[in-house]
């Protein structure tokens, strides 16, 4: 019986990605809530404008703030999936926690740039005008920090097996 150890690449799990996206979305909600607490802006209006950006006809609905929150968290998880598979799993994870943090902040800054300078001025200029750029940019950076911190908090789930373990679980081990 030979003892050869094989280690597979650590896998990213859906649970980790979802939690990272939710952490980022919560960081943004708390940041905007703090801004709203210090200014006359109502958090419900922010959520209503999120809804108006995606479903303009729903913005006057009583459900618009709830839908805005659902959209916000859904988009947060989608961003985490894209980052998790395209950036983190591809290279940032292997380069360490600082790389994960830096790339997450950079990716979220790029998302902010596309959202606030390209998409939202066309889709919903009122959303762009709700808060200063520094507040919305800070919100996206905080998303990146929270997402990266969450991803960095998980231990890699690698699978290490020995030939002996493999042989013991294989019906072919009876033939040896």
Protein backbone atom coordinates (compact mmCIF):
# COMPACT_ATOMS: atom_id res chain seq x y z
CA UNK A 1 0.00 0.00 0.00
CA UNK A 2 1.47 3.34 -1.06
CA UNK A 3 0.91 6.60 0.74
CA UNK A 4 0.78 9.40 -1.80
CA UNK A 5 -0.88 12.64 -0.72
CA UNK A 6 -2.91 14.67 -3.21
CA UNK A 7 -4.27 18.13 -2.50
CA UNK A 8 -6.85 19.72 -4.74
CA UNK A 9 -7.29 23.45 -5.22
CA UNK A 10 -9.34 25.07 -2.42
CA UNK A 11 -12.93 25.49 -3.54
CA UNK A 12 -15.09 28.52 -3.18
CA UNK A 13 -18.52 27.72 -1.77
CA UNK A 14 -21.85 29.30 -2.55
CA UNK A 15 -22.37 29.92 1.16
CA UNK A 16 -19.17 31.97 1.36
CA UNK A 17 -20.08 34.01 -1.71
CA UNK A 18 -23.61 34.70 -0.51
CA UNK A 19 -22.39 35.76 2.94
CA UNK A 20 -19.78 38.04 1.36
CA UNK A 21 -22.41 39.69 -0.81
CA UNK A 22 -24.76 40.14 2.12
CA UNK A 23 -21.95 41.59 4.24
CA UNK A 24 -21.15 44.12 1.53
CA UNK A 25 -24.81 45.05 1.12
CA UNK A 26 -25.25 45.45 4.88
CA UNK A 27 -22.18 47.71 5.04
CA UNK A 28 -23.76 49.96 2.41
CA UNK A 29 -27.12 50.00 4.19
CA UNK A 30 -25.47 51.01 7.47
CA UNK A 31 -23.38 53.72 5.75
CA UNK A 32 -26.41 55.21 3.99
CA UNK A 33 -28.49 54.93 7.18
CA UNK A 34 -25.81 56.91 9.01
CA UNK A 35 -25.85 59.55 6.27
CA UNK A 36 -29.66 59.71 6.45
CA UNK A 37 -29.55 60.05 10.24
CA UNK A 38 -27.25 63.08 9.89
CA UNK A 39 -29.15 64.75 7.05
CA UNK A 40 -32.77 65.37 6.04
CA UNK A 41 -32.63 62.50 3.52
CA UNK A 42 -35.07 59.69 4.24
CA UNK A 43 -33.76 56.13 3.83
CA UNK A 44 -37.09 55.12 2.34
CA UNK A 45 -36.46 57.55 -0.53
CA UNK A 46 -33.08 55.95 -1.22
CA UNK A 47 -34.77 52.53 -1.42
CA UNK A 48 -37.57 53.95 -3.56
CA UNK A 49 -34.99 55.31 -6.02
CA UNK A 50 -33.25 51.92 -6.19
CA UNK A 51 -36.61 50.50 -7.25
CA UNK A 52 -37.14 53.36 -9.73
CA UNK A 53 -33.76 52.58 -11.32
CA UNK A 54 -34.80 49.01 -12.14
CA UNK A 55 -38.61 49.18 -12.26
CA UNK A 56 -39.57 52.82 -12.90
CA UNK A 57 -43.31 52.12 -12.86
CA UNK A 58 -43.06 50.66 -9.34
CA UNK A 59 -41.43 53.70 -7.71
CA UNK A 60 -44.75 55.12 -6.43
CA UNK A 61 -45.86 51.81 -4.97
CA UNK A 62 -46.11 51.36 -1.22
CA UNK A 63 -43.85 48.33 -1.73
CA UNK A 64 -41.11 50.31 -3.49
CA UNK A 65 -38.84 50.62 -0.41
CA UNK A 66 -39.12 46.88 0.33
CA UNK A 67 -38.47 46.05 -3.31
CA UNK A 68 -35.51 48.46 -3.27
CA UNK A 69 -34.01 46.62 -0.31
CA UNK A 70 -34.54 43.23 -1.99
CA UNK A 71 -32.95 44.56 -5.19
CA UNK A 72 -30.02 45.99 -3.23
CA UNK A 73 -29.27 42.69 -1.49
CA UNK A 74 -29.80 40.69 -4.68
CA UNK A 75 -27.35 42.91 -6.58
CA UNK A 76 -24.93 42.64 -3.66
CA UNK A 77 -24.91 38.85 -3.90
CA UNK A 78 -24.55 39.08 -7.70
CA UNK A 79 -21.51 41.36 -7.30
CA UNK A 80 -20.00 38.91 -4.80
CA UNK A 81 -20.51 36.01 -7.22
CA UNK A 82 -18.84 37.90 -10.06
CA UNK A 83 -15.95 38.97 -7.83
CA UNK A 84 -15.67 35.56 -6.17
CA UNK A 85 -15.35 33.58 -9.35
CA UNK A 86 -13.72 36.07 -11.75
CA UNK A 87 -11.23 37.73 -9.41
CA UNK A 88 -10.92 36.06 -6.02
CA UNK A 89 -10.87 32.42 -7.06
CA UNK A 90 -8.88 33.19 -10.21
CA UNK A 91 -5.94 34.90 -8.49
CA UNK A 92 -6.56 37.21 -5.51
CA UNK A 93 -7.15 34.41 -3.01
CA UNK A 94 -3.75 32.84 -3.68
CA UNK A 95 -1.99 36.20 -3.35
CA UNK A 96 -3.28 36.80 0.18
CA UNK A 97 -5.68 38.87 2.20
CA UNK A 98 -4.19 42.24 1.26
CA UNK A 99 -4.62 41.44 -2.43
CA UNK A 100 -8.21 40.37 -1.83
CA UNK A 101 -8.90 43.63 0.00
CA UNK A 102 -7.19 45.80 -2.61
CA UNK A 103 -8.81 44.13 -5.58
CA UNK A 104 -12.24 44.18 -3.94
CA UNK A 105 -11.95 47.91 -3.30
CA UNK A 106 -10.72 48.49 -6.85
CA UNK A 107 -13.52 46.41 -8.41
CA UNK A 108 -16.18 48.18 -6.34
CA UNK A 109 -14.71 51.58 -7.25
CA UNK A 110 -15.00 50.56 -10.91
CA UNK A 111 -18.60 49.48 -10.36
CA UNK A 112 -19.34 52.85 -8.72
CA UNK A 113 -17.78 54.65 -11.70
CA UNK A 114 -19.90 52.75 -14.20
CA UNK A 115 -23.06 53.11 -12.10
CA UNK A 116 -22.83 56.77 -11.18
CA UNK A 117 -21.11 58.22 -14.24
CA UNK A 118 -22.61 56.06 -17.01
CA UNK A 119 -25.72 54.00 -16.12
CA UNK A 120 -27.63 55.92 -13.46
CA UNK A 121 -27.52 59.30 -15.21
CA UNK A 122 -29.44 57.60 -18.03
CA UNK A 123 -31.66 55.29 -15.97
CA UNK A 124 -32.48 57.48 -12.95
CA UNK A 125 -30.78 60.85 -12.51
CA UNK A 126 -32.76 61.41 -9.28
CA UNK A 127 -30.85 58.57 -7.63
CA UNK A 128 -27.55 60.18 -8.60
CA UNK A 129 -28.69 63.49 -7.04
CA UNK A 130 -29.81 62.00 -3.70
CA UNK A 131 -26.39 61.93 -2.05
CA UNK A 132 -22.99 63.47 -2.69
CA UNK A 133 -20.57 61.42 -4.78
CA UNK A 134 -18.27 61.07 -1.76
CA UNK A 135 -21.05 59.33 0.18
CA UNK A 136 -21.99 56.96 -2.62
CA UNK A 137 -18.35 56.24 -3.47
CA UNK A 138 -17.62 55.59 0.22
CA UNK A 139 -20.57 53.22 0.27
CA UNK A 140 -19.13 51.13 -2.56
CA UNK A 141 -15.66 51.07 -1.00
CA UNK A 142 -17.19 49.88 2.27
CA UNK A 143 -18.98 47.16 0.32
CA UNK A 144 -15.62 46.04 -1.04
CA UNK A 145 -14.01 46.06 2.41
CA UNK A 146 -16.86 44.06 3.97
CA UNK A 147 -16.95 41.58 1.09
CA UNK A 148 -13.17 41.05 1.19
CA UNK A 149 -13.13 40.72 4.98
CA UNK A 150 -15.86 38.10 4.78
CA UNK A 151 -14.12 36.13 2.03
CA UNK A 152 -10.81 36.34 3.89
CA UNK A 153 -12.41 35.00 7.06
CA UNK A 154 -13.12 31.60 5.52
CA UNK A 155 -10.59 28.81 5.65
CA UNK A 156 -9.91 27.28 2.27
CA UNK A 157 -11.88 24.10 1.84
CA UNK A 158 -9.28 21.96 0.18
CA UNK A 159 -9.57 18.24 -0.15
CA UNK A 160 -6.51 16.28 0.86
CA UNK A 161 -6.60 12.55 0.38
CA UNK A 162 -3.98 9.88 0.57
CA UNK A 163 -3.76 6.91 -1.72
CA UNK A 164 -4.47 4.71 1.30
CA UNK A 165 -7.70 6.63 1.99
CA UNK A 166 -8.67 6.39 -1.66
CA UNK A 167 -7.93 2.67 -1.75
CA UNK A 168 -9.93 2.08 1.43
CA UNK A 169 -12.99 3.74 -0.09
CA UNK A 170 -12.67 2.07 -3.48
CA UNK A 171 -14.11 -1.39 -4.16
CA UNK A 172 -10.90 -2.09 -6.06
CA UNK A 173 -8.96 -2.15 -2.78
CA UNK A 174 -10.21 -5.70 -2.31
CA UNK A 175 -8.19 -6.76 -5.35
CA UNK A 176 -4.84 -5.70 -3.91
